Protein backbone atom coordinates (compact mmCIF):
# COMPACT_ATOMS: atom_id res chain seq x y z
CA MET A 1 78.73 86.97 66.59
CA ILE A 2 79.06 87.14 70.33
CA ARG A 3 79.86 83.79 71.87
CA HIS A 4 78.10 82.87 75.06
CA LEU A 5 80.25 81.47 77.81
CA LEU A 6 78.41 79.36 80.36
CA ILE A 7 79.84 80.47 83.68
CA SER A 8 80.27 77.58 86.07
CA LEU A 9 83.05 76.19 88.18
CA VAL A 10 83.74 73.46 85.64
CA ALA A 11 83.47 75.60 82.52
CA VAL A 12 85.76 78.37 83.73
CA ALA A 13 88.33 75.95 85.16
CA ALA A 14 88.46 74.09 81.86
CA SER A 15 88.39 77.17 79.65
CA PRO A 16 91.26 77.29 77.15
CA PHE A 17 90.88 81.03 76.70
CA ALA A 18 93.41 83.53 77.99
CA PHE A 19 90.82 86.10 76.91
CA ALA A 20 93.16 87.96 74.60
CA GLN A 21 89.97 88.77 72.68
CA PRO A 22 87.54 91.29 74.16
CA VAL A 23 85.39 90.16 77.07
CA ALA A 24 81.96 91.60 77.85
CA VAL A 25 80.98 91.08 81.48
CA TYR A 26 77.28 91.76 82.02
CA GLY A 27 75.87 92.26 85.50
CA GLU A 28 72.38 92.81 86.81
CA THR A 29 74.18 95.03 89.33
CA VAL A 30 77.59 96.56 88.58
CA TRP A 31 79.36 98.19 91.55
CA THR A 32 82.03 100.48 90.08
CA GLY A 33 83.71 102.11 93.08
CA THR A 34 83.71 105.40 91.13
CA SER A 35 81.47 108.42 90.72
CA GLN A 36 79.37 106.27 88.35
CA GLY A 37 78.12 104.51 91.45
CA THR A 38 76.14 101.30 91.04
CA ILE A 39 74.74 100.52 87.59
CA SER A 40 71.66 98.36 87.06
CA ASP A 41 71.93 96.09 84.02
CA GLY A 42 75.46 97.16 83.29
CA LEU A 43 78.38 96.04 81.16
CA VAL A 44 82.13 96.02 81.74
CA LEU A 45 84.15 95.65 78.56
CA ILE A 46 87.68 94.25 78.87
CA GLU A 47 90.38 94.31 76.18
CA ASN A 48 94.15 93.80 76.34
CA GLY A 49 94.20 93.60 80.12
CA ARG A 50 92.38 96.90 80.63
CA ILE A 51 88.82 98.01 81.16
CA VAL A 52 87.67 99.75 78.00
CA SER A 53 84.24 100.92 79.11
CA VAL A 54 81.72 100.68 81.93
CA GLY A 55 78.13 101.46 81.13
CA PRO A 56 74.64 100.16 80.34
CA ALA A 57 74.14 96.65 78.98
CA SER A 58 73.09 98.16 75.66
CA THR A 59 76.66 99.35 75.04
CA ARG A 60 77.98 98.03 71.73
CA VAL A 61 80.67 95.37 72.04
CA PRO A 62 83.21 94.28 69.42
CA ALA A 63 82.44 91.30 67.21
CA GLY A 64 83.92 88.08 68.56
CA ALA A 65 83.83 89.20 72.19
CA THR A 66 83.34 86.56 74.85
CA GLU A 67 80.27 87.16 76.98
CA VAL A 68 79.99 86.56 80.71
CA ARG A 69 76.74 87.10 82.60
CA ALA A 70 76.39 87.47 86.35
CA GLN A 71 74.10 88.88 89.02
CA TRP A 72 76.80 91.20 90.39
CA VAL A 73 80.04 92.56 88.94
CA THR A 74 82.68 94.28 91.08
CA PRO A 75 86.34 95.23 90.93
CA GLY A 76 88.72 92.54 92.12
CA LEU A 77 88.83 92.66 95.92
CA ILE A 78 92.05 93.63 97.69
CA SER A 79 93.18 92.18 101.02
CA ALA A 80 94.85 95.06 102.86
CA PHE A 81 96.62 92.80 105.35
CA SER A 82 97.44 89.11 105.30
CA ARG A 83 100.25 86.59 105.48
CA THR A 84 98.88 84.60 102.58
CA GLY A 85 101.61 82.77 100.69
CA LEU A 86 104.16 82.89 103.51
CA THR A 87 103.08 79.65 105.14
CA GLU A 88 101.56 76.35 104.12
CA VAL A 89 101.19 74.83 107.60
CA SER A 90 101.40 77.50 110.30
CA GLY A 91 102.39 75.08 113.05
CA VAL A 92 105.29 73.58 111.11
CA ASP A 93 108.44 75.72 111.17
CA ASP A 94 109.75 74.29 107.89
CA ALA A 95 106.58 75.48 106.12
CA ASN A 96 106.28 78.87 107.82
CA ASP A 97 108.18 81.97 106.64
CA THR A 98 106.05 84.60 108.35
CA GLY A 99 108.69 85.56 110.94
CA ALA A 100 112.25 84.95 112.07
CA ALA A 101 112.58 84.83 115.85
CA GLY A 102 116.22 83.74 115.69
CA SER A 103 117.44 86.27 113.14
CA ALA A 104 119.81 89.12 113.95
CA PHE A 105 117.89 91.23 111.42
CA SER A 106 114.49 92.87 111.69
CA ALA A 107 113.59 95.83 109.44
CA ALA A 108 115.73 94.36 106.64
CA LEU A 109 113.75 91.12 106.39
CA ASN A 110 112.07 91.12 102.96
CA ALA A 111 108.89 89.05 103.21
CA ALA A 112 108.79 88.66 99.42
CA ASP A 113 111.80 86.36 99.68
CA GLY A 114 109.54 83.83 101.42
CA PHE A 115 106.47 84.14 99.19
CA ASN A 116 105.33 80.95 97.51
CA PRO A 117 102.62 81.46 94.87
CA ASP A 118 101.98 77.70 94.92
CA THR A 119 100.60 77.64 98.47
CA THR A 120 97.10 76.21 98.65
CA SER A 121 95.80 79.39 100.30
CA ILE A 122 96.34 81.41 97.12
CA PRO A 123 93.60 79.79 94.96
CA VAL A 124 91.28 79.64 97.99
CA THR A 125 91.71 83.41 98.40
CA ARG A 126 91.20 84.02 94.67
CA LEU A 127 88.04 81.90 94.58
CA ASP A 128 86.41 84.35 96.99
CA GLY A 129 87.07 87.31 94.71
CA PHE A 130 90.42 88.61 96.00
CA THR A 131 92.75 89.43 93.15
CA ARG A 132 95.43 91.39 95.07
CA ILE A 133 96.94 90.99 98.54
CA ALA A 134 99.15 93.09 100.79
CA VAL A 135 101.34 90.62 102.67
CA ALA A 136 103.05 91.54 105.93
CA PRO A 137 105.81 89.73 107.82
CA GLN A 138 105.40 88.87 111.49
CA ALA A 139 107.49 90.59 114.18
CA GLN A 140 108.81 87.87 116.48
CA SER A 141 111.88 89.28 118.21
CA LYS A 142 111.84 93.06 117.70
CA LEU A 143 109.34 95.81 116.93
CA PHE A 144 110.25 95.68 113.26
CA GLY A 145 108.76 92.77 111.37
CA GLY A 146 110.41 93.72 108.10
CA GLN A 147 109.30 94.68 104.62
CA GLY A 148 105.83 93.80 103.31
CA PHE A 149 104.91 93.37 99.65
CA LEU A 150 102.02 93.43 97.18
CA ALA A 151 101.06 90.46 95.00
CA ASP A 152 98.27 89.22 92.79
CA THR A 153 96.53 85.90 93.43
CA SER A 154 97.12 84.34 90.02
CA GLY A 155 99.43 81.75 91.58
CA LEU A 156 101.96 82.38 88.82
CA THR A 157 105.66 83.05 89.04
CA GLY A 158 106.18 86.80 89.15
CA SER A 159 102.88 87.49 90.94
CA VAL A 160 104.69 89.78 93.42
CA PHE A 161 104.42 93.14 91.69
CA ARG A 162 105.88 95.40 94.39
CA GLU A 163 108.48 94.30 96.90
CA ARG A 164 109.23 96.48 99.95
CA ALA A 165 105.86 98.19 99.61
CA PHE A 166 105.73 99.04 103.31
CA ALA A 167 107.61 98.69 106.59
CA TYR A 168 105.81 96.79 109.34
CA VAL A 169 106.14 97.88 112.99
CA VAL A 170 104.39 96.41 116.04
CA LEU A 171 103.40 98.67 118.96
CA GLY A 172 100.86 98.38 121.76
CA GLU A 173 100.84 95.31 124.00
CA SER A 174 102.73 93.12 121.53
CA GLY A 175 105.32 95.81 120.87
CA ALA A 176 105.83 96.28 124.59
CA GLN A 177 106.65 92.60 125.01
CA LEU A 178 109.02 92.59 122.04
CA ALA A 179 110.86 95.68 123.32
CA GLY A 180 111.43 94.41 126.84
CA GLY A 181 108.12 94.55 128.65
CA SER A 182 106.65 98.05 128.49
CA ARG A 183 105.30 100.66 126.12
CA PRO A 184 108.01 103.16 127.17
CA ALA A 185 110.60 100.56 126.12
CA ALA A 186 108.86 100.14 122.76
CA TRP A 187 108.78 103.87 122.06
CA ALA A 188 112.42 104.26 123.14
CA ALA A 189 113.35 101.51 120.69
CA LEU A 190 111.33 103.12 117.89
CA ARG A 191 112.81 106.58 118.41
CA GLY A 192 116.28 105.08 118.74
CA ALA A 193 115.85 103.22 115.46
CA PHE A 194 114.78 106.41 113.70
CA ASP A 195 117.86 108.16 115.10
CA ASP A 196 120.03 105.29 113.82
CA VAL A 197 118.70 105.98 110.34
CA ARG A 198 118.95 109.76 110.55
CA PHE A 199 122.54 109.63 111.77
CA PHE A 200 123.47 106.65 109.65
CA ALA A 201 126.80 107.97 108.39
CA ALA A 202 128.12 108.91 111.82
CA ARG A 203 126.99 105.78 113.60
CA TYR A 204 127.73 103.09 111.04
CA MET A 205 130.88 104.43 109.43
CA SER A 206 132.70 104.72 112.75
CA HIS A 207 131.12 101.99 114.88
CA ASN A 208 129.51 99.71 112.28
CA GLU A 209 126.29 99.59 114.29
CA GLY A 210 123.67 101.86 115.79
CA ASN A 211 121.93 101.81 119.13
CA VAL A 212 119.01 99.66 117.93
CA LEU A 213 119.47 98.54 114.33
CA THR A 214 122.06 96.61 112.36
CA ARG A 215 123.52 98.32 109.30
CA MET A 216 121.20 96.36 106.98
CA ASP A 217 118.16 97.18 109.11
CA ALA A 218 119.01 100.89 109.12
CA LEU A 219 119.42 100.90 105.33
CA ALA A 220 116.10 99.06 104.90
CA LEU A 221 114.26 101.49 107.17
CA MET A 222 115.70 104.59 105.51
CA PRO A 223 112.93 105.07 102.89
CA ALA A 224 110.27 104.88 105.61
CA VAL A 225 112.03 107.40 107.83
CA LYS A 226 112.37 109.77 104.86
CA GLY A 227 108.66 109.48 104.09
CA ASP A 228 109.24 107.63 100.82
CA GLN A 229 107.70 104.38 102.06
CA LEU A 230 104.49 103.58 103.93
CA ILE A 231 104.85 102.47 107.55
CA LEU A 232 102.19 100.09 108.79
CA PHE A 233 101.87 100.30 112.58
CA GLN A 234 100.03 97.61 114.50
CA ALA A 235 98.18 98.98 117.54
CA SER A 236 94.71 98.72 119.06
CA ARG A 237 94.32 100.84 122.22
CA ALA A 238 93.17 104.43 121.90
CA SER A 239 96.18 105.72 123.86
CA ASP A 240 98.52 103.80 121.53
CA LEU A 241 96.81 105.36 118.53
CA ASP A 242 97.18 108.80 120.11
CA ALA A 243 100.90 108.13 120.62
CA ILE A 244 101.22 107.19 116.94
CA MET A 245 99.45 110.40 115.97
CA ASP A 246 101.76 112.40 118.26
CA PHE A 247 104.68 110.74 116.45
CA LYS A 248 103.15 111.69 113.11
CA GLU A 249 102.80 115.33 114.18
CA GLN A 250 106.44 115.33 115.30
CA ASN A 251 107.45 113.77 111.96
CA PRO A 252 104.99 115.22 109.43
CA ALA A 253 106.76 113.72 106.40
CA LEU A 254 106.00 110.15 107.50
CA ARG A 255 103.42 108.09 105.61
CA LEU A 256 101.47 106.05 108.15
CA ALA A 257 98.62 103.55 108.34
CA VAL A 258 97.39 101.55 111.33
CA VAL A 259 96.35 97.90 111.42
CA GLY A 260 94.17 96.74 114.30
CA ALA A 261 92.75 99.98 115.73
CA ASP A 262 90.08 98.17 117.77
CA GLU A 263 89.54 101.34 119.80
CA GLY A 264 89.95 103.56 116.76
CA TRP A 265 86.41 104.93 117.03
CA ARG A 266 87.45 106.74 120.22
CA VAL A 267 90.03 108.85 118.36
CA ALA A 268 88.39 108.81 114.93
CA PRO A 269 88.20 112.61 114.41
CA ARG A 270 91.94 112.98 115.00
CA LEU A 271 92.74 110.05 112.68
CA ALA A 272 90.65 111.73 110.00
CA GLU A 273 92.28 115.11 110.56
CA LEU A 274 95.77 113.63 110.20
CA GLU A 275 94.63 111.52 107.23
CA ILE A 276 95.83 108.29 108.79
CA PRO A 277 94.00 105.29 107.29
CA VAL A 278 93.14 102.23 109.36
CA ILE A 279 92.91 98.52 108.55
CA VAL A 280 90.41 96.90 110.90
CA ASP A 281 88.81 93.56 111.62
CA ALA A 282 85.15 94.44 112.17
CA PHE A 283 84.65 91.09 113.95
CA SER A 284 87.04 92.19 116.69
CA ASN A 285 84.39 93.26 119.16
CA LEU A 286 85.34 91.55 122.43
CA PRO A 287 87.79 92.65 125.15
CA SER A 288 90.21 89.78 124.52
CA SER A 289 93.10 91.92 125.77
CA PHE A 290 93.59 95.11 127.78
CA SER A 291 94.09 96.93 124.47
CA GLN A 292 90.60 96.01 123.30
CA LEU A 293 88.41 96.90 126.26
CA ALA A 294 86.46 99.45 124.19
CA SER A 295 86.17 97.32 121.05
CA THR A 296 82.78 97.34 119.34
CA SER A 297 81.05 95.92 116.27
CA GLU A 298 80.40 99.54 115.22
CA ASN A 299 84.09 100.43 115.03
CA ALA A 300 84.26 100.39 111.22
CA LYS A 301 81.01 102.32 110.93
CA ARG A 302 82.08 105.05 113.36
CA LEU A 303 85.51 105.41 111.77
CA ALA A 304 84.03 105.75 108.28
CA GLU A 305 81.42 108.26 109.46
CA ALA A 306 84.22 110.36 110.94
CA GLY A 307 85.92 110.50 107.54
CA VAL A 308 88.68 107.96 108.17
CA THR A 309 89.79 105.79 105.25
CA VAL A 310 88.87 102.27 106.38
CA ALA A 311 89.96 98.91 104.97
CA ILE A 312 88.39 95.72 106.34
CA VAL A 313 90.36 92.49 106.76
CA ASN A 314 90.32 89.24 108.69
CA LEU A 315 93.01 89.35 111.37
CA ASP A 316 92.10 85.94 112.80
CA ASN A 317 94.16 83.34 110.91
CA ASP A 318 95.35 85.94 108.42
CA SER A 319 97.56 83.43 106.57
CA HIS A 320 94.81 81.13 105.29
CA LEU A 321 91.51 82.94 105.76
CA ALA A 322 92.04 86.42 104.32
CA ARG A 323 89.03 85.59 102.15
CA LEU A 324 86.66 85.96 105.12
CA ALA A 325 86.96 89.74 104.87
CA THR A 326 83.78 89.79 102.74
CA GLN A 327 81.81 88.13 105.54
CA ILE A 328 83.33 90.55 108.05
CA ALA A 329 82.40 93.52 105.83
CA GLY A 330 78.87 92.16 105.62
CA ASN A 331 78.68 92.08 109.40
CA ALA A 332 79.94 95.67 109.50
CA VAL A 333 76.98 96.59 107.30
CA ALA A 334 74.69 94.68 109.66
CA ASN A 335 76.07 96.89 112.44
CA GLY A 336 75.31 100.13 110.65
CA MET A 337 78.12 100.67 108.15
CA ASP A 338 76.99 101.98 104.77
CA PHE A 339 77.10 99.25 102.09
CA ASP A 340 79.15 101.34 99.69
CA GLU A 341 81.63 102.16 102.48
CA ALA A 342 82.00 98.46 103.22
CA MET A 343 82.62 97.72 99.54
CA ARG A 344 85.16 100.54 99.38
CA ALA A 345 86.86 98.97 102.42
CA LEU A 346 87.54 95.92 100.25
CA THR A 347 88.52 97.72 97.05
CA THR A 348 89.26 101.42 96.73
CA ALA A 349 90.50 101.93 100.31
CA PRO A 350 93.26 99.26 100.14
CA ALA A 351 94.22 100.54 96.69
CA GLU A 352 94.52 104.07 98.10
CA ILE A 353 96.45 103.00 101.20
CA PHE A 354 99.08 101.10 99.22
CA GLY A 355 99.14 103.27 96.11
CA MET A 356 97.77 100.60 93.75
CA THR A 357 96.99 102.82 90.79
CA GLY A 358 94.29 101.53 88.46
CA LEU A 359 93.05 98.85 90.86
CA GLY A 360 90.00 98.58 93.11
CA VAL A 361 87.67 100.28 90.61
CA LEU A 362 85.75 99.56 87.44
CA ALA A 363 86.65 102.48 85.19
CA PRO A 364 87.92 103.01 81.64
CA GLY A 365 91.69 102.58 81.61
CA ALA A 366 91.82 100.70 84.91
CA ARG A 367 93.53 97.33 85.11
CA ALA A 368 91.02 94.59 84.39
CA ASP A 369 90.73 92.95 87.79
CA VAL A 370 87.04 92.07 87.56
CA VAL A 371 84.87 89.62 89.49
CA ALA A 372 81.49 88.24 88.41
CA TRP A 373 79.31 87.06 91.32
CA ASP A 374 76.23 84.87 91.66
CA GLY A 375 74.83 87.23 94.32
CA ASP A 376 75.56 90.11 96.70
CA PRO A 377 79.36 90.02 97.35
CA LEU A 378 78.84 90.66 101.08
CA ASP A 379 76.30 87.85 101.47
CA VAL A 380 77.94 84.77 102.97
CA THR A 381 76.01 82.53 100.54
CA SER A 382 77.36 84.31 97.43
CA ALA A 383 80.46 83.35 95.48
CA PRO A 384 82.31 84.45 92.35
CA SER A 385 81.42 82.69 89.12
CA ALA A 386 84.37 84.19 87.21
CA VAL A 387 87.53 86.06 88.21
CA PHE A 388 89.80 88.10 85.93
CA ILE A 389 93.25 89.40 86.81
CA ASP A 390 94.63 91.90 84.30
CA GLY A 391 92.00 90.62 81.89
CA GLU A 392 93.06 86.98 82.21
CA ALA A 393 90.37 84.47 83.20
CA GLN A 394 91.49 82.63 86.32
CA PRO A 395 90.96 78.93 87.04
CA MET A 396 88.02 78.48 89.39
CA GLU A 397 89.46 75.57 91.31
CA SER A 398 91.48 74.89 94.43
CA ARG A 399 92.71 71.85 96.30
CA GLN A 400 89.36 71.74 98.08
CA THR A 401 87.27 71.87 94.91
CA LYS A 402 89.43 69.18 93.33
CA LEU A 403 88.90 66.91 96.33
CA ARG A 404 85.18 67.68 96.25
CA ASP A 405 84.89 66.82 92.57
CA ARG A 406 87.04 63.72 92.92
CA TYR A 407 84.97 62.11 95.64
CA ARG A 408 81.52 63.52 94.91
CA THR A 409 80.92 61.15 92.00
CA ILE A 410 83.39 58.37 92.75
CA ASP A 411 82.58 54.99 91.24
CA GLU A 412 82.01 52.60 94.15
CA SER A 413 83.69 49.81 92.19
CA GLN A 414 86.85 51.88 91.84
CA LYS A 415 87.45 52.43 95.55
CA PRO A 416 90.86 51.38 96.85
CA MET A 417 91.03 48.01 98.57
CA ALA A 418 91.29 49.67 101.98
CA TYR A 419 87.74 50.94 101.56
CA LYS A 420 86.38 47.48 100.79
CA ARG A 421 87.55 45.81 103.95
C-alpha cells in the first residue's frame, strides 16, 4: 500500500528515509525539460537514484513506494556560475577562498581545494531548488582566476563531483585592469599565455618559465588550450564579445562560454552561429560601467530568440545568493522571455554548457535530481516542499530556518536572564 508522506518543512527535515525504496512524486504540473514538454497531473517515479518513468498520474507505481504530492515538479535547478562554498564571510580574509591576490600562481589554482560543503550558503541554495552548482574562482591578480568545479548541494563530504571542470579567464574592463590597464595588454597576456602552453617544452625545459605563466599554470591551462576543457570568459561589452569570437575563429578547437555578456544581444546572431553559450544576469540592465552602456532587461530574451544557449544566474553577491536566479529568470519572463526558455536557462542549458549528462531534465534514466514545489518555480512567493539529489531526500532546513523555529515559539519563561532585565 502506498504510504502518504506529508510534505512540509518539518516533516521532510525530520524524515528518517534515505528513499532507497521507490518514490512517486506527483505534480499538478510537471515540467520535464524534454520533448515531453509540460505534463498536467503527472508523475515522476524514482528508484535507486534514477528516474524510472515520467508520465501521467495514473501510471502504476510499485507497492511500498513513498508518495510526494506537489503543485509543480521540475528537475533540480543548476547554478551555472557562483562562488558558493568558497566563502563564509566575504569581508573576512580568513573565511574567503574565492581568490588569491598574493599568489604567484593563477591558472593552476584549483578552486575545489577551497570548497567547504559545510558553509551556511549551501543549504540556503538547496532550499530554493538548486541541486548542482558550477563554482568559479575569482581573478584577483592576473587574467586567469584558476580552475572551476562542479558540485552538488547535499552538503556532504564528496559533493564535488568534477574538479577542474573549466578554466576561468577575465577580460573586458576587469581584465584590462588585471593585465596592466588596457584591453590590448589583456589580449597580449592571453595570447602570450596560450603560446606558453603551445611551446611548453621549449620554454620550460630550457628556461623553467614562460613569458606569462609559471610552469604549473602552463600545465593547468594545457587542456583548455587543446580544446579538452571548457574556458569560461568573463566579458560584457559587445566589442569584447566580438574579440572573443575572433579568438574562437582563430582557434576553432577551443570550447568557450561567456559569463556576463550584458551587451550580448548586440552580437547575438554571431554568438549563435559560433555556438558560444552565454551565462547572463537578466537583472543587469543599468549602465553601471562603460562595458554595460547597452544593457537591457530584454538581453536574455533577445539572445534566446537568436538561438543562443542562455543560462541565467545571479552575479550580484554570487557567493551567498545564487538562489536568486529563479527570481531573475522570472523577471526575464516578465520582459518577454519565453517561460520554457527561462526554465531551460536554469536546468538544461547549464547542464549542456558544463557537460552534466543526465541532469537538468526529468527523463527515464536521468539522475534523480527532482524538486517538488508549492507553486510556479519562477514566482517569488513559491518555494520547494521537497528536494531530491540522486534520489536522496534532502533536509529542508538551514541556519535561518533553525533560528526561525527556535525563536518563533520560544517559551517566555525560558528566556535567558539578559532578556528579563
